[in-house]
């Protein structure tokens, strides 16, 4: 499914279906993660955030698909720290369906 941050898709007339969203939270619970001291911990935290962002986007896409959407426009992400070593990621946007081009002689 196409997901864009813009409020339009070039060459497409859109039918708005509604707001969709998904969220995911992730935490690291090892002793080292409570006091990051180096590059390895920073890389693991970044990987954790990437995983949460991807899962939130998948959940948003699933919700859009349930509405019969072809795409999600105005996609945004929000991040919040929920505890040391943990984060919540939210993805949200507007589900849309592509309007079919009017055929010559066809009445809509």
PDB file of N, CA and C in Angstrom:
ATOM      1  N   UNK A   1       0.857  -1.181   0.000  1.00  0.00           N
ATOM      2  CA  UNK A   1       0.000   0.000   0.000  1.00  0.00           C
ATOM      3  C   UNK A   1       0.897   1.237   0.000  1.00  0.00           C
ATOM      4  N   UNK A   2       0.489   2.208  -0.774  1.00  0.00           N
ATOM      5  CA  UNK A   2       1.218   3.462  -0.849  1.00  0.00           C
ATOM      6  C   UNK A   2       0.964   4.293   0.402  1.00  0.00           C
ATOM      7  N   UNK A   3       2.019   4.779   1.031  1.00  0.00           N
ATOM      8  CA  UNK A   3       1.907   5.669   2.192  1.00  0.00           C
ATOM      9  C   UNK A   3       2.813   6.868   1.941  1.00  0.00           C
ATOM     10  N   UNK A   4       2.209   8.081   2.010  1.00  0.00           N
ATOM     11  CA  UNK A   4       2.963   9.297   1.730  1.00  0.00           C
ATOM     12  C   UNK A   4       2.713  10.339   2.816  1.00  0.00           C
ATOM     13  N   UNK A   5       3.656  11.241   2.975  1.00  0.00           N
ATOM     14  CA  UNK A   5       3.495  12.311   3.963  1.00  0.00           C
ATOM     15  C   UNK A   5       2.760  13.519   3.390  1.00  0.00           C
ATOM     16  N   UNK A   6       2.561  13.544   2.087  1.00  0.00           N
ATOM     17  CA  UNK A   6       1.865  14.668   1.448  1.00  0.00           C
ATOM     18  C   UNK A   6       0.354  14.494   1.557  1.00  0.00           C
ATOM     19  N   UNK A   7      -0.380  15.563   1.263  1.00  0.00           N
ATOM     20  CA  UNK A   7      -1.843  15.481   1.326  1.00  0.00           C
ATOM     21  C   UNK A   7      -2.453  15.233  -0.053  1.00  0.00           C
ATOM     22  N   UNK A   8      -1.656  14.769  -0.979  1.00  0.00           N
ATOM     23  CA  UNK A   8      -2.129  14.462  -2.322  1.00  0.00           C
ATOM     24  C   UNK A   8      -1.226  13.387  -2.914  1.00  0.00           C
ATOM     25  N   UNK A   9      -1.707  12.785  -3.983  1.00  0.00           N
ATOM     26  CA  UNK A   9      -0.906  11.849  -4.766  1.00  0.00           C
ATOM     27  C   UNK A   9      -1.019  12.327  -6.203  1.00  0.00           C
ATOM     28  N   UNK A  10       0.080  12.727  -6.821  1.00  0.00           N
ATOM     29  CA  UNK A  10       0.014  13.278  -8.173  1.00  0.00           C
ATOM     30  C   UNK A  10      -0.753  12.368  -9.131  1.00  0.00           C
ATOM     31  N   UNK A  11      -1.675  12.989  -9.873  1.00  0.00           N
ATOM     32  CA  UNK A  11      -2.434  12.272 -10.884  1.00  0.00           C
ATOM     33  C   UNK A  11      -3.613  11.472 -10.355  1.00  0.00           C
ATOM     34  N   UNK A  12      -3.879  11.561  -9.050  1.00  0.00           N
ATOM     35  CA  UNK A  12      -4.981  10.794  -8.472  1.00  0.00           C
ATOM     36  C   UNK A  12      -6.008  11.718  -7.833  1.00  0.00           C
ATOM     37  N   UNK A  13      -7.271  11.434  -8.093  1.00  0.00           N
ATOM     38  CA  UNK A  13      -8.344  12.091  -7.362  1.00  0.00           C
ATOM     39  C   UNK A  13      -8.690  11.148  -6.224  1.00  0.00           C
ATOM     40  N   UNK A  14      -8.798  11.695  -5.009  1.00  0.00           N
ATOM     41  CA  UNK A  14      -8.910  10.853  -3.825  1.00  0.00           C
ATOM     42  C   UNK A  14     -10.264  10.949  -3.149  1.00  0.00           C
ATOM     43  N   UNK A  15     -10.729   9.821  -2.657  1.00  0.00           N
ATOM     44  CA  UNK A  15     -11.909   9.750  -1.804  1.00  0.00           C
ATOM     45  C   UNK A  15     -11.403   9.489  -0.388  1.00  0.00           C
ATOM     46  N   UNK A  16     -11.714  10.391   0.530  1.00  0.00           N
ATOM     47  CA  UNK A  16     -11.239  10.245   1.909  1.00  0.00           C
ATOM     48  C   UNK A  16     -12.077   9.198   2.633  1.00  0.00           C
ATOM     49  N   UNK A  17     -11.397   8.275   3.321  1.00  0.00           N
ATOM     50  CA  UNK A  17     -12.091   7.213   4.051  1.00  0.00           C
ATOM     51  C   UNK A  17     -12.045   7.418   5.560  1.00  0.00           C
ATOM     52  N   UNK A  18     -11.033   8.114   6.037  1.00  0.00           N
ATOM     53  CA  UNK A  18     -10.958   8.371   7.467  1.00  0.00           C
ATOM     54  C   UNK A  18      -9.560   8.233   8.039  1.00  0.00           C
ATOM     55  N   UNK A  19      -9.464   8.609   9.298  1.00  0.00           N
ATOM     56  CA  UNK A  19      -8.202   8.558  10.032  1.00  0.00           C
ATOM     57  C   UNK A  19      -7.873   7.116  10.390  1.00  0.00           C
ATOM     58  N   UNK A  20      -6.612   6.751  10.177  1.00  0.00           N
ATOM     59  CA  UNK A  20      -6.131   5.423  10.569  1.00  0.00           C
ATOM     60  C   UNK A  20      -4.843   5.586  11.361  1.00  0.00           C
ATOM     61  N   UNK A  21      -4.560   4.622  12.194  1.00  0.00           N
ATOM     62  CA  UNK A  21      -3.341   4.714  12.982  1.00  0.00           C
ATOM     63  C   UNK A  21      -2.932   3.371  13.536  1.00  0.00           C
ATOM     64  N   UNK A  22      -1.710   3.335  13.995  1.00  0.00           N
ATOM     65  CA  UNK A  22      -1.177   2.142  14.630  1.00  0.00           C
ATOM     66  C   UNK A  22      -0.129   2.567  15.635  1.00  0.00           C
ATOM     67  N   UNK A  23       0.096   1.738  16.634  1.00  0.00           N
ATOM     68  CA  UNK A  23       1.116   2.065  17.626  1.00  0.00           C
ATOM     69  C   UNK A  23       1.856   0.803  18.034  1.00  0.00           C
ATOM     70  N   UNK A  24       3.026   1.015  18.587  1.00  0.00           N
ATOM     71  CA  UNK A  24       3.842  -0.084  19.096  1.00  0.00           C
ATOM     72  C   UNK A  24       4.748   0.468  20.181  1.00  0.00           C
ATOM     73  N   UNK A  25       4.926  -0.304  21.244  1.00  0.00           N
ATOM     74  CA  UNK A  25       5.890   0.106  22.251  1.00  0.00           C
ATOM     75  C   UNK A  25       6.945  -0.976  22.385  1.00  0.00           C
ATOM     76  N   UNK A  26       8.129  -0.554  22.678  1.00  0.00           N
ATOM     77  CA  UNK A  26       9.258  -1.461  22.811  1.00  0.00           C
ATOM     78  C   UNK A  26      10.108  -1.007  23.987  1.00  0.00           C
ATOM     79  N   UNK A  27      10.658  -1.979  24.690  1.00  0.00           N
ATOM     80  CA  UNK A  27      11.555  -1.702  25.817  1.00  0.00           C
ATOM     81  C   UNK A  27      12.733  -2.658  25.770  1.00  0.00           C
ATOM     82  N   UNK A  28      13.829  -2.207  26.310  1.00  0.00           N
ATOM     83  CA  UNK A  28      15.006  -3.043  26.485  1.00  0.00           C
ATOM     84  C   UNK A  28      15.162  -3.248  27.985  1.00  0.00           C
ATOM     85  N   UNK A  29      15.316  -4.493  28.412  1.00  0.00           N
ATOM     86  CA  UNK A  29      15.334  -4.764  29.834  1.00  0.00           C
ATOM     87  C   UNK A  29      16.635  -5.382  30.344  1.00  0.00           C
ATOM     88  N   UNK A  30      17.710  -5.204  29.644  1.00  0.00           N
ATOM     89  CA  UNK A  30      18.966  -5.725  30.171  1.00  0.00           C
ATOM     90  C   UNK A  30      19.608  -4.672  31.064  1.00  0.00           C
ATOM     91  N   UNK A  31      20.436  -5.116  31.956  1.00  0.00           N
ATOM     92  CA  UNK A  31      21.085  -4.198  32.897  1.00  0.00           C
ATOM     93  C   UNK A  31      21.886  -3.120  32.154  1.00  0.00           C
ATOM     94  N   UNK A  32      22.540  -3.508  31.080  1.00  0.00           N
ATOM     95  CA  UNK A  32      23.332  -2.539  30.317  1.00  0.00           C
ATOM     96  C   UNK A  32      22.452  -1.451  29.704  1.00  0.00           C
ATOM     97  N   UNK A  33      21.224  -1.804  29.345  1.00  0.00           N
ATOM     98  CA  UNK A  33      20.352  -0.835  28.688  1.00  0.00           C
ATOM     99  C   UNK A  33      19.882   0.264  29.623  1.00  0.00           C
ATOM    100  N   UNK A  34      19.929   0.024  30.928  1.00  0.00           N
ATOM    101  CA  UNK A  34      19.498   1.050  31.870  1.00  0.00           C
ATOM    102  C   UNK A  34      20.511   2.183  31.953  1.00  0.00           C
ATOM    103  N   UNK A  35      21.735   1.918  31.612  1.00  0.00           N
ATOM    104  CA  UNK A  35      22.774   2.958  31.647  1.00  0.00           C
ATOM    105  C   UNK A  35      23.634   2.832  30.398  1.00  0.00           C
ATOM    106  N   UNK A  36      23.129   3.282  29.266  1.00  0.00           N
ATOM    107  CA  UNK A  36      23.899   3.170  28.022  1.00  0.00           C
ATOM    108  C   UNK A  36      25.251   3.857  28.153  1.00  0.00           C
ATOM    109  N   UNK A  37      26.262   3.125  27.768  1.00  0.00           N
ATOM    110  CA  UNK A  37      27.610   3.671  27.933  1.00  0.00           C
ATOM    111  C   UNK A  37      28.400   3.699  26.644  1.00  0.00           C
ATOM    112  N   UNK A  38      27.819   3.264  25.562  1.00  0.00           N
ATOM    113  CA  UNK A  38      28.621   3.256  24.352  1.00  0.00           C
ATOM    114  C   UNK A  38      27.829   3.079  23.093  1.00  0.00           C
ATOM    115  N   UNK A  39      28.582   2.945  22.038  1.00  0.00           N
ATOM    116  CA  UNK A  39      28.027   2.852  20.694  1.00  0.00           C
ATOM    117  C   UNK A  39      27.106   1.641  20.541  1.00  0.00           C
ATOM    118  N   UNK A  40      27.471   0.499  21.110  1.00  0.00           N
ATOM    119  CA  UNK A  40      26.669  -0.716  20.968  1.00  0.00           C
ATOM    120  C   UNK A  40      25.250  -0.507  21.503  1.00  0.00           C
ATOM    121  N   UNK A  41      25.140   0.116  22.676  1.00  0.00           N
ATOM    122  CA  UNK A  41      23.822   0.366  23.258  1.00  0.00           C
ATOM    123  C   UNK A  41      23.015   1.337  22.418  1.00  0.00           C
ATOM    124  N   UNK A  42      23.676   2.344  21.875  1.00  0.00           N
ATOM    125  CA  UNK A  42      22.987   3.316  21.015  1.00  0.00           C
ATOM    126  C   UNK A  42      22.467   2.633  19.754  1.00  0.00           C
ATOM    127  N   UNK A  43      23.247   1.737  19.191  1.00  0.00           N
ATOM    128  CA  UNK A  43      22.825   1.010  17.990  1.00  0.00           C
ATOM    129  C   UNK A  43      21.634   0.124  18.319  1.00  0.00           C
ATOM    130  N   UNK A  44      21.651  -0.557  19.443  1.00  0.00           N
ATOM    131  CA  UNK A  44      20.538  -1.422  19.831  1.00  0.00           C
ATOM    132  C   UNK A  44      19.271  -0.607  20.061  1.00  0.00           C
ATOM    133  N   UNK A  45      19.407   0.568  20.651  1.00  0.00           N
ATOM    134  CA  UNK A  45      18.239   1.414  20.877  1.00  0.00           C
ATOM    135  C   UNK A  45      17.665   1.889  19.544  1.00  0.00           C
ATOM    136  N   UNK A  46      18.524   2.263  18.618  1.00  0.00           N
ATOM    137  CA  UNK A  46      18.092   2.687  17.289  1.00  0.00           C
ATOM    138  C   UNK A  46      17.369   1.549  16.575  1.00  0.00           C
ATOM    139  N   UNK A  47      17.898   0.338  16.671  1.00  0.00           N
ATOM    140  CA  UNK A  47      17.243  -0.819  16.057  1.00  0.00           C
ATOM    141  C   UNK A  47      15.881  -1.061  16.685  1.00  0.00           C
ATOM    142  N   UNK A  48      15.783  -0.905  18.005  1.00  0.00           N
ATOM    143  CA  UNK A  48      14.516  -1.067  18.701  1.00  0.00           C
ATOM    144  C   UNK A  48      13.496  -0.050  18.186  1.00  0.00           C
ATOM    145  N   UNK A  49      13.919   1.198  18.013  1.00  0.00           N
ATOM    146  CA  UNK A  49      13.021   2.245  17.524  1.00  0.00           C
ATOM    147  C   UNK A  49      12.588   1.969  16.084  1.00  0.00           C
ATOM    148  N   UNK A  50      13.502   1.501  15.252  1.00  0.00           N
ATOM    149  CA  UNK A  50      13.159   1.151  13.867  1.00  0.00           C
ATOM    150  C   UNK A  50      12.118   0.040  13.833  1.00  0.00           C
ATOM    151  N   UNK A  51      12.288  -0.960  14.696  1.00  0.00           N
ATOM    152  CA  UNK A  51      11.337  -2.066  14.773  1.00  0.00           C
ATOM    153  C   UNK A  51       9.955  -1.561  15.203  1.00  0.00           C
ATOM    154  N   UNK A  52       9.911  -0.695  16.189  1.00  0.00           N
ATOM    155  CA  UNK A  52       8.636  -0.149  16.668  1.00  0.00           C
ATOM    156  C   UNK A  52       7.969   0.699  15.593  1.00  0.00           C
ATOM    157  N   UNK A  53       8.745   1.505  14.887  1.00  0.00           N
ATOM    158  CA  UNK A  53       8.190   2.346  13.814  1.00  0.00           C
ATOM    159  C   UNK A  53       7.603   1.481  12.708  1.00  0.00           C
ATOM    160  N   UNK A  54       8.304   0.417  12.324  1.00  0.00           N
ATOM    161  CA  UNK A  54       7.826  -0.477  11.277  1.00  0.00           C
ATOM    162  C   UNK A  54       6.536  -1.179  11.707  1.00  0.00           C
ATOM    163  N   UNK A  55       6.473  -1.638  12.946  1.00  0.00           N
ATOM    164  CA  UNK A  55       5.273  -2.313  13.442  1.00  0.00           C
ATOM    165  C   UNK A  55       4.085  -1.354  13.503  1.00  0.00           C
ATOM    166  N   UNK A  56       4.315  -0.126  13.954  1.00  0.00           N
ATOM    167  CA  UNK A  56       3.240   0.870  13.997  1.00  0.00           C
ATOM    168  C   UNK A  56       2.713   1.149  12.584  1.00  0.00           C
ATOM    169  N   UNK A  57       3.615   1.259  11.611  1.00  0.00           N
ATOM    170  CA  UNK A  57       3.210   1.500  10.218  1.00  0.00           C
ATOM    171  C   UNK A  57       2.423   0.312   9.664  1.00  0.00           C
ATOM    172  N   UNK A  58       2.840  -0.907   9.996  1.00  0.00           N
ATOM    173  CA  UNK A  58       2.112  -2.099   9.541  1.00  0.00           C
ATOM    174  C   UNK A  58       0.697  -2.117  10.113  1.00  0.00           C
ATOM    175  N   UNK A  59       0.569  -1.748  11.378  1.00  0.00           N
ATOM    176  CA  UNK A  59      -0.757  -1.722  12.007  1.00  0.00           C
ATOM    177  C   UNK A  59      -1.644  -0.650  11.387  1.00  0.00           C
ATOM    178  N   UNK A  60      -1.054   0.498  11.040  1.00  0.00           N
ATOM    179  CA  UNK A  60      -1.812   1.553  10.376  1.00  0.00           C
ATOM    180  C   UNK A  60      -2.257   1.068   8.997  1.00  0.00           C
ATOM    181  N   UNK A  61      -1.360   0.434   8.278  1.00  0.00           N
ATOM    182  CA  UNK A  61      -1.664  -0.078   6.942  1.00  0.00           C
ATOM    183  C   UNK A  61      -2.777  -1.132   7.012  1.00  0.00           C
ATOM    184  N   UNK A  62      -2.745  -1.986   8.006  1.00  0.00           N
ATOM    185  CA  UNK A  62      -3.784  -2.996   8.163  1.00  0.00           C
ATOM    186  C   UNK A  62      -5.147  -2.349   8.396  1.00  0.00           C
ATOM    187  N   UNK A  63      -5.164  -1.325   9.226  1.00  0.00           N
ATOM    188  CA  UNK A  63      -6.426  -0.621   9.486  1.00  0.00           C
ATOM    189  C   UNK A  63      -6.950   0.027   8.202  1.00  0.00           C
ATOM    190  N   UNK A  64      -6.054   0.608   7.412  1.00  0.00           N
ATOM    191  CA  UNK A  64      -6.450   1.231   6.144  1.00  0.00           C
ATOM    192  C   UNK A  64      -6.987   0.180   5.171  1.00  0.00           C
ATOM    193  N   UNK A  65      -6.341  -0.967   5.115  1.00  0.00           N
ATOM    194  CA  UNK A  65      -6.791  -2.040   4.227  1.00  0.00           C
ATOM    195  C   UNK A  65      -8.193  -2.517   4.601  1.00  0.00           C
ATOM    196  N   UNK A  66      -8.485  -2.564   5.892  1.00  0.00           N
ATOM    197  CA  UNK A  66      -9.817  -2.963   6.348  1.00  0.00           C
ATOM    198  C   UNK A  66     -10.894  -1.989   5.887  1.00  0.00           C
ATOM    199  N   UNK A  67     -10.508  -0.737   5.625  1.00  0.00           N
ATOM    200  CA  UNK A  67     -11.444   0.263   5.105  1.00  0.00           C
ATOM    201  C   UNK A  67     -11.533   0.227   3.580  1.00  0.00           C
ATOM    202  N   UNK A  68     -10.711  -0.598   2.936  1.00  0.00           N
ATOM    203  CA  UNK A  68     -10.695  -0.667   1.479  1.00  0.00           C
ATOM    204  C   UNK A  68      -9.836   0.405   0.841  1.00  0.00           C
ATOM    205  N   UNK A  69      -8.861   0.923   1.568  1.00  0.00           N
ATOM    206  CA  UNK A  69      -8.016   2.015   1.074  1.00  0.00           C
ATOM    207  C   UNK A  69      -6.996   1.533   0.049  1.00  0.00           C
ATOM    208  N   UNK A  70      -6.649   2.448  -0.848  1.00  0.00           N
ATOM    209  CA  UNK A  70      -5.570   2.220  -1.798  1.00  0.00           C
ATOM    210  C   UNK A  70      -4.265   2.822  -1.296  1.00  0.00           C
ATOM    211  N   UNK A  71      -4.382   3.810  -0.396  1.00  0.00           N
ATOM    212  CA  UNK A  71      -3.208   4.527   0.083  1.00  0.00           C
ATOM    213  C   UNK A  71      -3.527   5.217   1.404  1.00  0.00           C
ATOM    214  N   UNK A  72      -2.468   5.689   2.052  1.00  0.00           N
ATOM    215  CA  UNK A  72      -2.608   6.527   3.242  1.00  0.00           C
ATOM    216  C   UNK A  72      -1.817   7.800   2.980  1.00  0.00           C
ATOM    217  N   UNK A  73      -2.481   8.941   3.117  1.00  0.00           N
ATOM    218  CA  UNK A  73      -1.824  10.226   2.904  1.00  0.00           C
ATOM    219  C   UNK A  73      -1.613  10.915   4.255  1.00  0.00           C
ATOM    220  N   UNK A  74      -0.824  11.972   4.249  1.00  0.00           N
ATOM    221  CA  UNK A  74      -0.553  12.772   5.451  1.00  0.00           C
ATOM    222  C   UNK A  74       0.017  11.918   6.577  1.00  0.00           C
ATOM    223  N   UNK A  75       0.844  10.942   6.238  1.00  0.00           N
ATOM    224  CA  UNK A  75       1.405  10.039   7.244  1.00  0.00           C
ATOM    225  C   UNK A  75       2.376  10.790   8.141  1.00  0.00           C
ATOM    226  N   UNK A  76       2.204  10.593   9.434  1.00  0.00           N
ATOM    227  CA  UNK A  76       3.102  11.185  10.430  1.00  0.00           C
ATOM    228  C   UNK A  76       3.411  10.145  11.491  1.00  0.00           C
ATOM    229  N   UNK A  77       4.530  10.352  12.156  1.00  0.00           N
ATOM    230  CA  UNK A  77       4.958   9.481  13.254  1.00  0.00           C
ATOM    231  C   UNK A  77       5.134  10.334  14.496  1.00  0.00           C
ATOM    232  N   UNK A  78       4.814   9.743  15.615  1.00  0.00           N
ATOM    233  CA  UNK A  78       5.005  10.405  16.902  1.00  0.00           C
ATOM    234  C   UNK A  78       5.743   9.425  17.806  1.00  0.00           C
ATOM    235  N   UNK A  79       6.693   9.942  18.563  1.00  0.00           N
ATOM    236  CA  UNK A  79       7.499   9.119  19.446  1.00  0.00           C
ATOM    237  C   UNK A  79       7.401   9.659  20.860  1.00  0.00           C
ATOM    238  N   UNK A  80       7.313   8.754  21.839  1.00  0.00           N
ATOM    239  CA  UNK A  80       7.272   9.171  23.239  1.00  0.00           C
ATOM    240  C   UNK A  80       8.088   8.193  24.068  1.00  0.00           C
ATOM    241  N   UNK A  81       8.823   8.742  24.992  1.00  0.00           N
ATOM    242  CA  UNK A  81       9.555   7.906  25.936  1.00  0.00           C
ATOM    243  C   UNK A  81       8.580   7.464  27.016  1.00  0.00           C
ATOM    244  N   UNK A  82       8.468   6.155  27.234  1.00  0.00           N
ATOM    245  CA  UNK A  82       7.533   5.664  28.241  1.00  0.00           C
ATOM    246  C   UNK A  82       8.249   5.215  29.511  1.00  0.00           C
ATOM    247  N   UNK A  83       9.542   5.017  29.418  1.00  0.00           N
ATOM    248  CA  UNK A  83      10.382   4.693  30.564  1.00  0.00           C
ATOM    249  C   UNK A  83      11.817   4.652  30.068  1.00  0.00           C
ATOM    250  N   UNK A  84      12.756   4.614  30.958  1.00  0.00           N
ATOM    251  CA  UNK A  84      14.143   4.557  30.531  1.00  0.00           C
ATOM    252  C   UNK A  84      14.368   3.281  29.726  1.00  0.00           C
ATOM    253  N   UNK A  85      14.835   3.439  28.513  1.00  0.00           N
ATOM    254  CA  UNK A  85      15.064   2.295  27.642  1.00  0.00           C
ATOM    255  C   UNK A  85      13.835   1.835  26.889  1.00  0.00           C
ATOM    256  N   UNK A  86      12.739   2.588  26.986  1.00  0.00           N
ATOM    257  CA  UNK A  86      11.513   2.184  26.306  1.00  0.00           C
ATOM    258  C   UNK A  86      10.868   3.346  25.583  1.00  0.00           C
ATOM    259  N   UNK A  87      10.106   3.011  24.549  1.00  0.00           N
ATOM    260  CA  UNK A  87       9.470   4.072  23.762  1.00  0.00           C
ATOM    261  C   UNK A  87       8.168   3.583  23.146  1.00  0.00           C
ATOM    262  N   UNK A  88       7.303   4.530  22.874  1.00  0.00           N
ATOM    263  CA  UNK A  88       6.048   4.299  22.171  1.00  0.00           C
ATOM    264  C   UNK A  88       6.141   5.030  20.840  1.00  0.00           C
ATOM    265  N   UNK A  89       5.792   4.345  19.779  1.00  0.00           N
ATOM    266  CA  UNK A  89       5.772   4.946  18.441  1.00  0.00           C
ATOM    267  C   UNK A  89       4.342   4.861  17.919  1.00  0.00           C
ATOM    268  N   UNK A  90       3.846   5.977  17.413  1.00  0.00           N
ATOM    269  CA  UNK A  90       2.522   6.016  16.809  1.00  0.00           C
ATOM    270  C   UNK A  90       2.653   6.480  15.365  1.00  0.00           C
ATOM    271  N   UNK A  91       1.905   5.823  14.488  1.00  0.00           N
ATOM    272  CA  UNK A  91       1.842   6.220  13.082  1.00  0.00           C
ATOM    273  C   UNK A  91       0.381   6.523  12.782  1.00  0.00           C
ATOM    274  N   UNK A  92       0.136   7.605  12.063  1.00  0.00           N
ATOM    275  CA  UNK A  92      -1.243   7.949  11.733  1.00  0.00           C
ATOM    276  C   UNK A  92      -1.292   8.707  10.422  1.00  0.00           C
ATOM    277  N   UNK A  93      -2.459   8.645   9.796  1.00  0.00           N
ATOM    278  CA  UNK A  93      -2.661   9.318   8.522  1.00  0.00           C
ATOM    279  C   UNK A  93      -4.106   9.191   8.091  1.00  0.00           C
ATOM    280  N   UNK A  94      -4.376   9.575   6.857  1.00  0.00           N
ATOM    281  CA  UNK A  94      -5.727   9.530   6.305  1.00  0.00           C
ATOM    282  C   UNK A  94      -5.801   8.461   5.226  1.00  0.00           C
ATOM    283  N   UNK A  95      -6.686   7.493   5.429  1.00  0.00           N
ATOM    284  CA  UNK A  95      -6.892   6.443   4.434  1.00  0.00           C
ATOM    285  C   UNK A  95      -7.683   7.018   3.264  1.00  0.00           C
ATOM    286  N   UNK A  96      -7.273   6.676   2.046  1.00  0.00           N
ATOM    287  CA  UNK A  96      -7.938   7.169   0.843  1.00  0.00           C
ATOM    288  C   UNK A  96      -8.109   6.045  -0.171  1.00  0.00           C
ATOM    289  N   UNK A  97      -9.092   6.250  -1.026  1.00  0.00           N
ATOM    290  CA  UNK A  97      -9.316   5.347  -2.156  1.00  0.00           C
ATOM    291  C   UNK A  97      -9.160   6.187  -3.413  1.00  0.00           C
ATOM    292  N   UNK A  98      -8.593   5.601  -4.460  1.00  0.00           N
ATOM    293  CA  UNK A  98      -8.459   6.311  -5.726  1.00  0.00           C
ATOM    294  C   UNK A  98      -9.805   6.324  -6.428  1.00  0.00           C
ATOM    295  N   UNK A  99     -10.259   7.515  -6.835  1.00  0.00           N
ATOM    296  CA  UNK A  99     -11.479   7.611  -7.628  1.00  0.00           C
ATOM    297  C   UNK A  99     -11.145   7.179  -9.039  1.00  0.00           C
ATOM    298  N   UNK A 100     -12.047   6.418  -9.613  1.00  0.00           N
ATOM    299  CA  UNK A 100     -11.836   5.956 -10.984  1.00  0.00           C
ATOM    300  C   UNK A 100     -12.112   7.101 -11.944  1.00  0.00           C
ATOM    301  N   UNK A 101     -11.294   7.208 -12.971  1.00  0.00           N
ATOM    302  CA  UNK A 101     -11.522   8.242 -13.978  1.00  0.00           C
ATOM    303  C   UNK A 101     -12.859   7.981 -14.667  1.00  0.00           C
ATOM    304  N   UNK A 102     -13.609   9.023 -14.872  1.00  0.00           N
ATOM    305  CA  UNK A 102     -14.925   8.875 -15.510  1.00  0.00           C
ATOM    306  C   UNK A 102     -14.727   8.468 -16.953  1.00  0.00           C
ATOM    307  N   UNK A 103     -15.338   7.354 -17.312  1.00  0.00           N
ATOM    308  CA  UNK A 103     -15.268   6.853 -18.675  1.00  0.00           C
ATOM    309  C   UNK A 103     -16.173   7.734 -19.553  1.00  0.00           C
ATOM    310  N   UNK A 104     -15.816   7.846 -20.794  1.00  0.00           N
ATOM    311  CA  UNK A 104     -16.623   8.638 -21.724  1.00  0.00           C
ATOM    312  C   UNK A 104     -18.036   8.062 -21.795  1.00  0.00           C
ATOM    313  N   UNK A 105     -19.027   8.889 -21.546  1.00  0.00           N
ATOM    314  CA  UNK A 105     -20.413   8.466 -21.602  1.00  0.00           C
ATOM    315  C   UNK A 105     -20.916   7.801 -20.332  1.00  0.00           C
ATOM    316  N   UNK A 106     -20.062   7.549 -19.378  1.00  0.00           N
ATOM    317  CA  UNK A 106     -20.466   6.887 -18.134  1.00  0.00           C
ATOM    318  C   UNK A 106     -21.033   7.912 -17.151  1.00  0.00           C
ATOM    319  N   UNK A 107     -22.104   7.573 -16.515  1.00  0.00           N
ATOM    320  CA  UNK A 107     -22.705   8.443 -15.524  1.00  0.00           C
ATOM    321  C   UNK A 107     -22.306   7.939 -14.145  1.00  0.00           C
ATOM    322  N   UNK A 108     -21.767   8.868 -13.342  1.00  0.00           N
ATOM    323  CA  UNK A 108     -21.365   8.476 -11.995  1.00  0.00           C
ATOM    324  C   UNK A 108     -22.448   8.788 -11.006  1.00  0.00           C
TER     325      UNK A 108
END
